[in-house]
């Protein structure tokens, strides 16, 4: 077992584990830690606790110190400098007529580097811009192209549920979301209903997906032939995933009738293959869904390049 603390550098943002170095820390306290990017100013979000070593991906780094008033002052000064750097960068972007949208600026705590985050449709040749910025700030300059999800995360906003966006409140990392998830959760495949503020598939489609996958693995698909003890053979007409029951169409002398049956009370005689996640969608919505899938893939490739 290893004693750890959880530190977050941005809210929202990923939580990183550090060795408290024998110091008992409380949630909300600030610390200075050494990272691969240099010294950072972070906030304690997980107090001292024990964790099995096999759950830790890397060797823990020890905290450098508990943040002092001077550290806090320096951190706040950097925040003010970020606003000034943002305006200076905007002017230089216009000067070089670059087709890019500046989103955020981040000063590293030790002032060893300034990060400028931007979005753009394609690749941007910003070499001259970097030279101008380096001449002004006299420190290392790094420009990072981010995706629209990261852009919305930094800007903020509310979702269709009325609450603050998940990416702005608690999500540390973006996970891959697919149209298949919407289909398996029996959600309308209308692009406007499954897209978030960023124009990509809503992150919340991922939350219950494991539950749906586990339940669907035990259920027959629509069109499957099943056998029910008292009724005989029938065809699955619809599936209620969370209730783990299906509506089965039976035939008798008078015609057809329907009955809801629990999954454990039927036997699958012949299942059917999945007809495709975009089956039955009209042409216009199909076009939009295909575009969403394409954008999802491009975002994933861009994120891999950044990493």
C-alpha atoms as a PDB file:
ATOM      1  CA  UNK A   1       0.000   0.000   0.000  1.00  0.00           C
ATOM      2  CA  UNK A   2       1.156   3.497  -0.850  1.00  0.00           C
ATOM      3  CA  UNK A   3       0.043   6.775   0.730  1.00  0.00           C
ATOM      4  CA  UNK A   4      -1.244   9.193  -1.903  1.00  0.00           C
ATOM      5  CA  UNK A   5      -2.969  12.540  -2.335  1.00  0.00           C
ATOM      6  CA  UNK A   6      -4.971  13.687  -5.375  1.00  0.00           C
ATOM      7  CA  UNK A   7      -4.031  17.010  -6.978  1.00  0.00           C
ATOM      8  CA  UNK A   8      -5.879  18.914  -9.693  1.00  0.00           C
ATOM      9  CA  UNK A   9      -4.350  21.823 -11.616  1.00  0.00           C
ATOM     10  CA  UNK A  10      -7.449  23.027 -13.457  1.00  0.00           C
ATOM     11  CA  UNK A  11     -11.156  22.780 -12.744  1.00  0.00           C
ATOM     12  CA  UNK A  12     -12.435  20.684 -14.303  1.00  0.00           C
ATOM     13  CA  UNK A  13      -9.441  18.546 -15.029  1.00  0.00           C
ATOM     14  CA  UNK A  14      -7.727  15.240 -14.478  1.00  0.00           C
ATOM     15  CA  UNK A  15      -6.688  14.298 -10.939  1.00  0.00           C
ATOM     16  CA  UNK A  16      -3.034  13.304 -10.514  1.00  0.00           C
ATOM     17  CA  UNK A  17      -1.634  11.275  -7.617  1.00  0.00           C
ATOM     18  CA  UNK A  18       1.411  12.406  -5.625  1.00  0.00           C
ATOM     19  CA  UNK A  19       3.330  11.246  -2.577  1.00  0.00           C
ATOM     20  CA  UNK A  20       2.387  13.618   0.319  1.00  0.00           C
ATOM     21  CA  UNK A  21       5.985  13.314   1.572  1.00  0.00           C
ATOM     22  CA  UNK A  22       4.906  12.780   5.186  1.00  0.00           C
ATOM     23  CA  UNK A  23       2.609  15.832   5.244  1.00  0.00           C
ATOM     24  CA  UNK A  24      -1.083  15.519   6.205  1.00  0.00           C
ATOM     25  CA  UNK A  25      -3.090  17.626   3.775  1.00  0.00           C
ATOM     26  CA  UNK A  26      -6.705  18.739   3.699  1.00  0.00           C
ATOM     27  CA  UNK A  27      -9.035  19.071   0.740  1.00  0.00           C
ATOM     28  CA  UNK A  28      -8.844  22.586  -0.703  1.00  0.00           C
ATOM     29  CA  UNK A  29      -5.227  23.207   0.337  1.00  0.00           C
ATOM     30  CA  UNK A  30      -2.752  24.223  -2.352  1.00  0.00           C
ATOM     31  CA  UNK A  31       0.602  22.586  -3.029  1.00  0.00           C
ATOM     32  CA  UNK A  32       3.601  23.035  -5.322  1.00  0.00           C
ATOM     33  CA  UNK A  33       4.555  19.861  -7.194  1.00  0.00           C
ATOM     34  CA  UNK A  34       7.139  18.860  -9.783  1.00  0.00           C
ATOM     35  CA  UNK A  35       5.658  17.595 -13.074  1.00  0.00           C
ATOM     36  CA  UNK A  36       7.018  16.749 -16.519  1.00  0.00           C
ATOM     37  CA  UNK A  37       6.124  20.345 -17.467  1.00  0.00           C
ATOM     38  CA  UNK A  38       7.993  21.883 -14.514  1.00  0.00           C
ATOM     39  CA  UNK A  39       6.706  23.228 -11.196  1.00  0.00           C
ATOM     40  CA  UNK A  40       2.916  23.461 -10.925  1.00  0.00           C
ATOM     41  CA  UNK A  41       0.478  25.031  -8.479  1.00  0.00           C
ATOM     42  CA  UNK A  42      -2.348  22.617  -7.659  1.00  0.00           C
ATOM     43  CA  UNK A  43      -5.255  22.038  -5.312  1.00  0.00           C
ATOM     44  CA  UNK A  44      -5.776  19.013  -3.070  1.00  0.00           C
ATOM     45  CA  UNK A  45      -8.997  17.228  -4.089  1.00  0.00           C
ATOM     46  CA  UNK A  46      -8.241  13.833  -2.481  1.00  0.00           C
ATOM     47  CA  UNK A  47      -6.853  13.848   1.066  1.00  0.00           C
ATOM     48  CA  UNK A  48      -4.180  11.419   2.366  1.00  0.00           C
ATOM     49  CA  UNK A  49      -5.209   7.826   1.817  1.00  0.00           C
ATOM     50  CA  UNK A  50      -3.716   4.405   1.135  1.00  0.00           C
ATOM     51  CA  UNK A  51      -3.846   2.876  -2.331  1.00  0.00           C
ATOM     52  CA  UNK A  52      -2.609  -0.529  -3.616  1.00  0.00           C
ATOM     53  CA  UNK A  53       0.636  -0.066  -5.547  1.00  0.00           C
ATOM     54  CA  UNK A  54      -0.653  -2.139  -8.498  1.00  0.00           C
ATOM     55  CA  UNK A  55      -3.300   0.533  -9.143  1.00  0.00           C
ATOM     56  CA  UNK A  56      -0.641   3.203  -9.615  1.00  0.00           C
ATOM     57  CA  UNK A  57       0.559   3.499 -13.208  1.00  0.00           C
ATOM     58  CA  UNK A  58       3.832   5.300 -12.469  1.00  0.00           C
ATOM     59  CA  UNK A  59       6.200   5.950  -9.597  1.00  0.00           C
ATOM     60  CA  UNK A  60       4.768   8.693  -7.410  1.00  0.00           C
ATOM     61  CA  UNK A  61       6.542  12.030  -7.243  1.00  0.00           C
ATOM     62  CA  UNK A  62       6.698  13.761  -3.881  1.00  0.00           C
ATOM     63  CA  UNK A  63       5.117  17.164  -3.370  1.00  0.00           C
ATOM     64  CA  UNK A  64       7.686  19.968  -3.337  1.00  0.00           C
ATOM     65  CA  UNK A  65       5.972  21.979  -0.604  1.00  0.00           C
ATOM     66  CA  UNK A  66       2.682  23.256   0.739  1.00  0.00           C
ATOM     67  CA  UNK A  67       1.911  26.492  -1.142  1.00  0.00           C
ATOM     68  CA  UNK A  68       2.787  29.700   0.689  1.00  0.00           C
ATOM     69  CA  UNK A  69       1.169  33.151   0.490  1.00  0.00           C
ATOM     70  CA  UNK A  70       3.972  34.139  -1.868  1.00  0.00           C
ATOM     71  CA  UNK A  71       3.163  31.159  -4.097  1.00  0.00           C
ATOM     72  CA  UNK A  72      -0.495  32.173  -4.142  1.00  0.00           C
ATOM     73  CA  UNK A  73       0.449  35.739  -5.072  1.00  0.00           C
ATOM     74  CA  UNK A  74       2.699  34.502  -7.888  1.00  0.00           C
ATOM     75  CA  UNK A  75      -0.099  32.225  -9.157  1.00  0.00           C
ATOM     76  CA  UNK A  76      -2.579  35.127  -9.240  1.00  0.00           C
ATOM     77  CA  UNK A  77      -0.019  37.341 -11.006  1.00  0.00           C
ATOM     78  CA  UNK A  78       0.334  34.655 -13.679  1.00  0.00           C
ATOM     79  CA  UNK A  79      -3.433  34.613 -14.135  1.00  0.00           C
ATOM     80  CA  UNK A  80      -3.351  38.340 -14.786  1.00  0.00           C
ATOM     81  CA  UNK A  81      -0.461  37.922 -17.218  1.00  0.00           C
ATOM     82  CA  UNK A  82      -2.481  35.301 -19.113  1.00  0.00           C
ATOM     83  CA  UNK A  83      -5.153  37.895 -19.922  1.00  0.00           C
ATOM     84  CA  UNK A  84      -2.531  40.311 -21.230  1.00  0.00           C
ATOM     85  CA  UNK A  85      -0.809  37.564 -23.244  1.00  0.00           C
ATOM     86  CA  UNK A  86      -4.174  36.607 -24.761  1.00  0.00           C
ATOM     87  CA  UNK A  87      -4.695  40.115 -26.169  1.00  0.00           C
ATOM     88  CA  UNK A  88      -1.105  40.343 -27.448  1.00  0.00           C
ATOM     89  CA  UNK A  89      -1.446  36.996 -29.215  1.00  0.00           C
ATOM     90  CA  UNK A  90      -4.750  38.056 -30.809  1.00  0.00           C
ATOM     91  CA  UNK A  91      -3.094  41.138 -32.301  1.00  0.00           C
ATOM     92  CA  UNK A  92      -0.262  39.045 -33.726  1.00  0.00           C
ATOM     93  CA  UNK A  93      -2.682  36.505 -35.204  1.00  0.00           C
ATOM     94  CA  UNK A  94      -4.398  39.345 -37.073  1.00  0.00           C
ATOM     95  CA  UNK A  95      -1.015  40.741 -38.092  1.00  0.00           C
ATOM     96  CA  UNK A  96      -0.010  37.443 -39.731  1.00  0.00           C
ATOM     97  CA  UNK A  97      -3.563  36.870 -41.083  1.00  0.00           C
ATOM     98  CA  UNK A  98      -3.749  33.357 -39.658  1.00  0.00           C
ATOM     99  CA  UNK A  99      -7.023  31.421 -39.893  1.00  0.00           C
ATOM    100  CA  UNK A 100      -7.067  30.299 -36.257  1.00  0.00           C
ATOM    101  CA  UNK A 101      -9.216  30.949 -33.204  1.00  0.00           C
ATOM    102  CA  UNK A 102      -7.345  31.627 -29.949  1.00  0.00           C
ATOM    103  CA  UNK A 103      -9.107  29.920 -27.027  1.00  0.00           C
ATOM    104  CA  UNK A 104      -6.939  30.156 -23.934  1.00  0.00           C
ATOM    105  CA  UNK A 105      -3.489  31.037 -22.567  1.00  0.00           C
ATOM    106  CA  UNK A 106      -1.694  29.241 -19.752  1.00  0.00           C
ATOM    107  CA  UNK A 107       1.415  30.385 -17.904  1.00  0.00           C
ATOM    108  CA  UNK A 108       3.412  27.594 -16.253  1.00  0.00           C
ATOM    109  CA  UNK A 109       3.908  28.339 -12.554  1.00  0.00           C
ATOM    110  CA  UNK A 110       7.685  28.753 -12.853  1.00  0.00           C
ATOM    111  CA  UNK A 111       7.255  30.951 -15.969  1.00  0.00           C
ATOM    112  CA  UNK A 112       9.376  28.496 -17.973  1.00  0.00           C
ATOM    113  CA  UNK A 113       6.752  28.309 -20.720  1.00  0.00           C
ATOM    114  CA  UNK A 114       3.564  29.944 -22.020  1.00  0.00           C
ATOM    115  CA  UNK A 115       0.975  27.750 -23.729  1.00  0.00           C
ATOM    116  CA  UNK A 116      -1.444  29.204 -26.303  1.00  0.00           C
ATOM    117  CA  UNK A 117      -4.455  27.001 -27.134  1.00  0.00           C
ATOM    118  CA  UNK A 118      -6.296  27.479 -30.430  1.00  0.00           C
ATOM    119  CA  UNK A 119      -8.713  25.813 -32.830  1.00  0.00           C
ATOM    120  CA  UNK A 120      -8.451  25.733 -36.621  1.00  0.00           C
ATOM    121  CA  UNK A 121      -9.939  23.808 -39.536  1.00  0.00           C
ATOM    122  CA  UNK A 122      -6.591  22.458 -40.723  1.00  0.00           C
ATOM    123  CA  UNK A 123      -2.894  22.743 -40.018  1.00  0.00           C
ATOM    124  CA  UNK A 124      -1.515  26.240 -39.398  1.00  0.00           C
ATOM    125  CA  UNK A 125       1.998  27.488 -40.130  1.00  0.00           C
ATOM    126  CA  UNK A 126       2.515  29.590 -37.011  1.00  0.00           C
ATOM    127  CA  UNK A 127       6.327  29.734 -37.001  1.00  0.00           C
ATOM    128  CA  UNK A 128       6.458  33.508 -37.525  1.00  0.00           C
ATOM    129  CA  UNK A 129       3.816  33.995 -34.840  1.00  0.00           C
ATOM    130  CA  UNK A 130       5.922  31.996 -32.344  1.00  0.00           C
ATOM    131  CA  UNK A 131       8.969  34.144 -33.153  1.00  0.00           C
ATOM    132  CA  UNK A 132       7.023  37.350 -32.480  1.00  0.00           C
ATOM    133  CA  UNK A 133       5.595  36.015 -29.212  1.00  0.00           C
ATOM    134  CA  UNK A 134       9.000  34.788 -28.027  1.00  0.00           C
ATOM    135  CA  UNK A 135      10.442  38.259 -28.710  1.00  0.00           C
ATOM    136  CA  UNK A 136       7.737  39.849 -26.552  1.00  0.00           C
ATOM    137  CA  UNK A 137       7.665  37.400 -23.614  1.00  0.00           C
ATOM    138  CA  UNK A 138      11.288  36.208 -23.717  1.00  0.00           C
ATOM    139  CA  UNK A 139      10.418  32.681 -22.642  1.00  0.00           C
ATOM    140  CA  UNK A 140       9.540  29.387 -24.309  1.00  0.00           C
ATOM    141  CA  UNK A 141       6.337  29.586 -26.382  1.00  0.00           C
ATOM    142  CA  UNK A 142       4.153  26.618 -27.295  1.00  0.00           C
ATOM    143  CA  UNK A 143       1.034  26.691 -29.475  1.00  0.00           C
ATOM    144  CA  UNK A 144      -1.386  23.772 -29.145  1.00  0.00           C
ATOM    145  CA  UNK A 145      -4.236  23.036 -31.518  1.00  0.00           C
ATOM    146  CA  UNK A 146      -7.220  21.585 -29.644  1.00  0.00           C
ATOM    147  CA  UNK A 147     -10.567  20.103 -30.689  1.00  0.00           C
ATOM    148  CA  UNK A 148     -14.015  21.625 -30.354  1.00  0.00           C
ATOM    149  CA  UNK A 149     -14.724  19.558 -27.224  1.00  0.00           C
ATOM    150  CA  UNK A 150     -11.732  21.126 -25.481  1.00  0.00           C
ATOM    151  CA  UNK A 151     -12.856  24.531 -26.738  1.00  0.00           C
ATOM    152  CA  UNK A 152     -16.313  24.212 -25.162  1.00  0.00           C
ATOM    153  CA  UNK A 153     -14.742  22.790 -21.985  1.00  0.00           C
ATOM    154  CA  UNK A 154     -12.690  25.977 -21.613  1.00  0.00           C
ATOM    155  CA  UNK A 155     -15.548  28.339 -22.562  1.00  0.00           C
ATOM    156  CA  UNK A 156     -18.235  26.666 -20.410  1.00  0.00           C
ATOM    157  CA  UNK A 157     -22.025  26.508 -20.692  1.00  0.00           C
ATOM    158  CA  UNK A 158     -25.140  24.477 -19.854  1.00  0.00           C
ATOM    159  CA  UNK A 159     -26.417  21.300 -21.487  1.00  0.00           C
ATOM    160  CA  UNK A 160     -29.936  20.398 -22.668  1.00  0.00           C
ATOM    161  CA  UNK A 161     -30.535  18.935 -19.188  1.00  0.00           C
ATOM    162  CA  UNK A 162     -30.209  22.452 -17.737  1.00  0.00           C
ATOM    163  CA  UNK A 163     -27.095  21.619 -15.733  1.00  0.00           C
ATOM    164  CA  UNK A 164     -23.536  22.817 -16.228  1.00  0.00           C
ATOM    165  CA  UNK A 165     -21.809  20.864 -18.996  1.00  0.00           C
ATOM    166  CA  UNK A 166     -20.185  17.647 -17.770  1.00  0.00           C
ATOM    167  CA  UNK A 167     -16.874  18.609 -19.395  1.00  0.00           C
ATOM    168  CA  UNK A 168     -16.914  21.893 -17.446  1.00  0.00           C
ATOM    169  CA  UNK A 169     -17.859  20.410 -14.081  1.00  0.00           C
ATOM    170  CA  UNK A 170     -16.286  16.979 -13.539  1.00  0.00           C
ATOM    171  CA  UNK A 171     -15.040  15.191 -16.677  1.00  0.00           C
ATOM    172  CA  UNK A 172     -11.267  14.856 -16.615  1.00  0.00           C
ATOM    173  CA  UNK A 173     -10.872  13.077 -19.955  1.00  0.00           C
ATOM    174  CA  UNK A 174     -12.969  12.737 -23.093  1.00  0.00           C
ATOM    175  CA  UNK A 175     -13.884   9.173 -23.998  1.00  0.00           C
ATOM    176  CA  UNK A 176     -14.893   7.942 -27.435  1.00  0.00           C
ATOM    177  CA  UNK A 177     -18.652   8.150 -28.045  1.00  0.00           C
ATOM    178  CA  UNK A 178     -20.421   6.423 -30.947  1.00  0.00           C
ATOM    179  CA  UNK A 179     -23.808   6.476 -32.663  1.00  0.00           C
ATOM    180  CA  UNK A 180     -24.081   2.773 -31.808  1.00  0.00           C
ATOM    181  CA  UNK A 181     -24.399   3.780 -28.148  1.00  0.00           C
ATOM    182  CA  UNK A 182     -27.445   5.926 -28.932  1.00  0.00           C
ATOM    183  CA  UNK A 183     -29.048   3.067 -30.850  1.00  0.00           C
ATOM    184  CA  UNK A 184     -28.436   0.498 -28.120  1.00  0.00           C
ATOM    185  CA  UNK A 185     -29.921   2.871 -25.542  1.00  0.00           C
ATOM    186  CA  UNK A 186     -32.994   3.294 -27.766  1.00  0.00           C
ATOM    187  CA  UNK A 187     -32.409   7.036 -28.158  1.00  0.00           C
ATOM    188  CA  UNK A 188     -33.617   8.886 -31.241  1.00  0.00           C
ATOM    189  CA  UNK A 189     -30.905   9.011 -33.920  1.00  0.00           C
ATOM    190  CA  UNK A 190     -31.874  12.588 -34.759  1.00  0.00           C
ATOM    191  CA  UNK A 191     -28.458  14.392 -34.829  1.00  0.00           C
ATOM    192  CA  UNK A 192     -29.831  17.474 -33.051  1.00  0.00           C
ATOM    193  CA  UNK A 193     -31.003  15.344 -30.107  1.00  0.00           C
ATOM    194  CA  UNK A 194     -27.778  13.408 -29.541  1.00  0.00           C
ATOM    195  CA  UNK A 195     -25.294  16.254 -30.115  1.00  0.00           C
ATOM    196  CA  UNK A 196     -23.912  18.525 -27.401  1.00  0.00           C
ATOM    197  CA  UNK A 197     -22.955  22.209 -27.400  1.00  0.00           C
ATOM    198  CA  UNK A 198     -19.709  21.313 -29.159  1.00  0.00           C
ATOM    199  CA  UNK A 199     -21.545  19.815 -32.128  1.00  0.00           C
ATOM    200  CA  UNK A 200     -20.233  16.340 -31.310  1.00  0.00           C
ATOM    201  CA  UNK A 201     -22.036  13.353 -29.799  1.00  0.00           C
ATOM    202  CA  UNK A 202     -23.012  13.958 -26.163  1.00  0.00           C
ATOM    203  CA  UNK A 203     -20.514  12.591 -23.641  1.00  0.00           C
ATOM    204  CA  UNK A 204     -23.347  11.330 -21.411  1.00  0.00           C
ATOM    205  CA  UNK A 205     -24.117   8.589 -23.971  1.00  0.00           C
ATOM    206  CA  UNK A 206     -21.091   6.805 -22.474  1.00  0.00           C
ATOM    207  CA  UNK A 207     -22.275   6.784 -18.857  1.00  0.00           C
ATOM    208  CA  UNK A 208     -24.767   3.883 -19.004  1.00  0.00           C
ATOM    209  CA  UNK A 209     -23.314   2.075 -22.010  1.00  0.00           C
ATOM    210  CA  UNK A 210     -21.686  -0.743 -20.013  1.00  0.00           C
ATOM    211  CA  UNK A 211     -25.022  -1.518 -18.335  1.00  0.00           C
ATOM    212  CA  UNK A 212     -26.820  -1.613 -21.693  1.00  0.00           C
ATOM    213  CA  UNK A 213     -24.139  -3.817 -23.264  1.00  0.00           C
ATOM    214  CA  UNK A 214     -24.296  -6.267 -20.356  1.00  0.00           C
ATOM    215  CA  UNK A 215     -28.100  -6.497 -20.500  1.00  0.00           C
ATOM    216  CA  UNK A 216     -28.277  -6.669 -24.308  1.00  0.00           C
ATOM    217  CA  UNK A 217     -25.885  -9.622 -24.259  1.00  0.00           C
ATOM    218  CA  UNK A 218     -28.658 -11.608 -22.548  1.00  0.00           C
ATOM    219  CA  UNK A 219     -31.516 -10.378 -24.732  1.00  0.00           C
ATOM    220  CA  UNK A 220     -32.627 -11.485 -28.224  1.00  0.00           C
ATOM    221  CA  UNK A 221     -32.696  -8.898 -31.009  1.00  0.00           C
ATOM    222  CA  UNK A 222     -35.818  -7.618 -32.737  1.00  0.00           C
ATOM    223  CA  UNK A 223     -36.865 -10.240 -35.299  1.00  0.00           C
ATOM    224  CA  UNK A 224     -35.389 -13.187 -33.366  1.00  0.00           C
ATOM    225  CA  UNK A 225     -37.407 -16.405 -33.042  1.00  0.00           C
ATOM    226  CA  UNK A 226     -37.944 -17.364 -29.417  1.00  0.00           C
ATOM    227  CA  UNK A 227     -39.800 -20.042 -27.498  1.00  0.00           C
ATOM    228  CA  UNK A 228     -41.945 -19.355 -24.442  1.00  0.00           C
ATOM    229  CA  UNK A 229     -43.079 -22.317 -22.333  1.00  0.00           C
ATOM    230  CA  UNK A 230     -46.838 -21.643 -22.327  1.00  0.00           C
ATOM    231  CA  UNK A 231     -47.174 -19.801 -25.641  1.00  0.00           C
ATOM    232  CA  UNK A 232     -44.813 -21.675 -27.948  1.00  0.00           C
ATOM    233  CA  UNK A 233     -42.694 -19.993 -30.617  1.00  0.00           C
ATOM    234  CA  UNK A 234     -42.937 -16.318 -31.513  1.00  0.00           C
ATOM    235  CA  UNK A 235     -41.027 -13.410 -33.015  1.00  0.00           C
ATOM    236  CA  UNK A 236     -39.486 -10.609 -30.929  1.00  0.00           C
ATOM    237  CA  UNK A 237     -41.272  -7.354 -31.806  1.00  0.00           C
ATOM    238  CA  UNK A 238     -39.498  -4.937 -29.423  1.00  0.00           C
ATOM    239  CA  UNK A 239     -36.970  -4.944 -26.588  1.00  0.00           C
ATOM    240  CA  UNK A 240     -37.094  -3.158 -23.216  1.00  0.00           C
ATOM    241  CA  UNK A 241     -33.421  -3.312 -22.296  1.00  0.00           C
ATOM    242  CA  UNK A 242     -33.407  -2.005 -18.716  1.00  0.00           C
ATOM    243  CA  UNK A 243     -36.406  -4.155 -17.714  1.00  0.00           C
ATOM    244  CA  UNK A 244     -34.787  -7.140 -19.454  1.00  0.00           C
ATOM    245  CA  UNK A 245     -37.998  -8.071 -21.183  1.00  0.00           C
ATOM    246  CA  UNK A 246     -39.226  -8.302 -24.758  1.00  0.00           C
ATOM    247  CA  UNK A 247     -42.543  -8.045 -26.530  1.00  0.00           C
ATOM    248  CA  UNK A 248     -43.183 -11.219 -28.519  1.00  0.00           C
ATOM    249  CA  UNK A 249     -45.580 -11.638 -31.439  1.00  0.00           C
ATOM    250  CA  UNK A 250     -47.465 -14.948 -31.386  1.00  0.00           C
ATOM    251  CA  UNK A 251     -49.835 -16.491 -33.897  1.00  0.00           C
ATOM    252  CA  UNK A 252     -53.064 -18.321 -33.066  1.00  0.00           C
ATOM    253  CA  UNK A 253     -56.223 -19.383 -34.922  1.00  0.00           C
ATOM    254  CA  UNK A 254     -57.665 -15.864 -34.795  1.00  0.00           C
ATOM    255  CA  UNK A 255     -54.531 -14.104 -36.028  1.00  0.00           C
ATOM    256  CA  UNK A 256     -51.698 -12.487 -34.047  1.00  0.00           C
ATOM    257  CA  UNK A 257     -51.355 -11.331 -30.457  1.00  0.00           C
ATOM    258  CA  UNK A 258     -48.539  -9.797 -28.384  1.00  0.00           C
ATOM    259  CA  UNK A 259     -47.204 -10.576 -24.945  1.00  0.00           C
ATOM    260  CA  UNK A 260     -44.381  -9.150 -22.811  1.00  0.00           C
ATOM    261  CA  UNK A 261     -41.977 -11.806 -21.568  1.00  0.00           C
ATOM    262  CA  UNK A 262     -39.012 -11.636 -19.178  1.00  0.00           C
ATOM    263  CA  UNK A 263     -35.700 -12.693 -20.712  1.00  0.00           C
ATOM    264  CA  UNK A 264     -35.263 -15.564 -18.240  1.00  0.00           C
ATOM    265  CA  UNK A 265     -38.629 -17.028 -19.285  1.00  0.00           C
ATOM    266  CA  UNK A 266     -37.813 -17.564 -22.937  1.00  0.00           C
ATOM    267  CA  UNK A 267     -35.395 -19.558 -25.063  1.00  0.00           C
ATOM    268  CA  UNK A 268     -33.748 -18.104 -28.175  1.00  0.00           C
ATOM    269  CA  UNK A 269     -34.314 -20.438 -31.126  1.00  0.00           C
ATOM    270  CA  UNK A 270     -32.768 -18.243 -33.800  1.00  0.00           C
ATOM    271  CA  UNK A 271     -31.288 -14.798 -33.263  1.00  0.00           C
ATOM    272  CA  UNK A 272     -30.754 -12.243 -36.036  1.00  0.00           C
ATOM    273  CA  UNK A 273     -27.715 -10.275 -37.130  1.00  0.00           C
ATOM    274  CA  UNK A 274     -27.499  -6.572 -36.403  1.00  0.00           C
ATOM    275  CA  UNK A 275     -28.825  -4.710 -39.446  1.00  0.00           C
ATOM    276  CA  UNK A 276     -26.584  -1.735 -38.812  1.00  0.00           C
ATOM    277  CA  UNK A 277     -26.706   1.153 -36.370  1.00  0.00           C
ATOM    278  CA  UNK A 278     -28.043   3.619 -38.994  1.00  0.00           C
ATOM    279  CA  UNK A 279     -30.856   1.392 -40.264  1.00  0.00           C
ATOM    280  CA  UNK A 280     -34.170   3.196 -40.800  1.00  0.00           C
ATOM    281  CA  UNK A 281     -32.802   6.760 -40.593  1.00  0.00           C
ATOM    282  CA  UNK A 282     -33.974   9.204 -43.293  1.00  0.00           C
ATOM    283  CA  UNK A 283     -31.458  10.391 -45.888  1.00  0.00           C
ATOM    284  CA  UNK A 284     -30.893  13.885 -44.474  1.00  0.00           C
ATOM    285  CA  UNK A 285     -30.353  12.643 -40.910  1.00  0.00           C
ATOM    286  CA  UNK A 286     -28.203   9.786 -42.240  1.00  0.00           C
ATOM    287  CA  UNK A 287     -25.948  12.335 -43.953  1.00  0.00           C
ATOM    288  CA  UNK A 288     -25.610  14.346 -40.731  1.00  0.00           C
ATOM    289  CA  UNK A 289     -24.897  11.217 -38.682  1.00  0.00           C
ATOM    290  CA  UNK A 290     -22.184  10.118 -41.105  1.00  0.00           C
ATOM    291  CA  UNK A 291     -20.638  13.584 -40.791  1.00  0.00           C
ATOM    292  CA  UNK A 292     -20.731  13.284 -36.995  1.00  0.00           C
ATOM    293  CA  UNK A 293     -18.937   9.941 -37.194  1.00  0.00           C
ATOM    294  CA  UNK A 294     -16.301  11.468 -39.462  1.00  0.00           C
ATOM    295  CA  UNK A 295     -15.745  14.401 -37.075  1.00  0.00           C
ATOM    296  CA  UNK A 296     -15.478  11.985 -34.117  1.00  0.00           C
ATOM    297  CA  UNK A 297     -12.667  10.147 -35.910  1.00  0.00           C
ATOM    298  CA  UNK A 298     -10.864  13.379 -36.830  1.00  0.00           C
ATOM    299  CA  UNK A 299     -11.071  14.585 -33.225  1.00  0.00           C
ATOM    300  CA  UNK A 300      -9.630  11.279 -32.024  1.00  0.00           C
ATOM    301  CA  UNK A 301      -6.712  11.485 -34.474  1.00  0.00           C
ATOM    302  CA  UNK A 302      -6.029  15.104 -33.479  1.00  0.00           C
ATOM    303  CA  UNK A 303      -6.031  14.173 -29.777  1.00  0.00           C
ATOM    304  CA  UNK A 304      -3.553  11.328 -30.451  1.00  0.00           C
ATOM    305  CA  UNK A 305      -1.265  13.823 -32.216  1.00  0.00           C
ATOM    306  CA  UNK A 306      -1.366  16.150 -29.186  1.00  0.00           C
ATOM    307  CA  UNK A 307      -0.582  13.279 -26.807  1.00  0.00           C
END
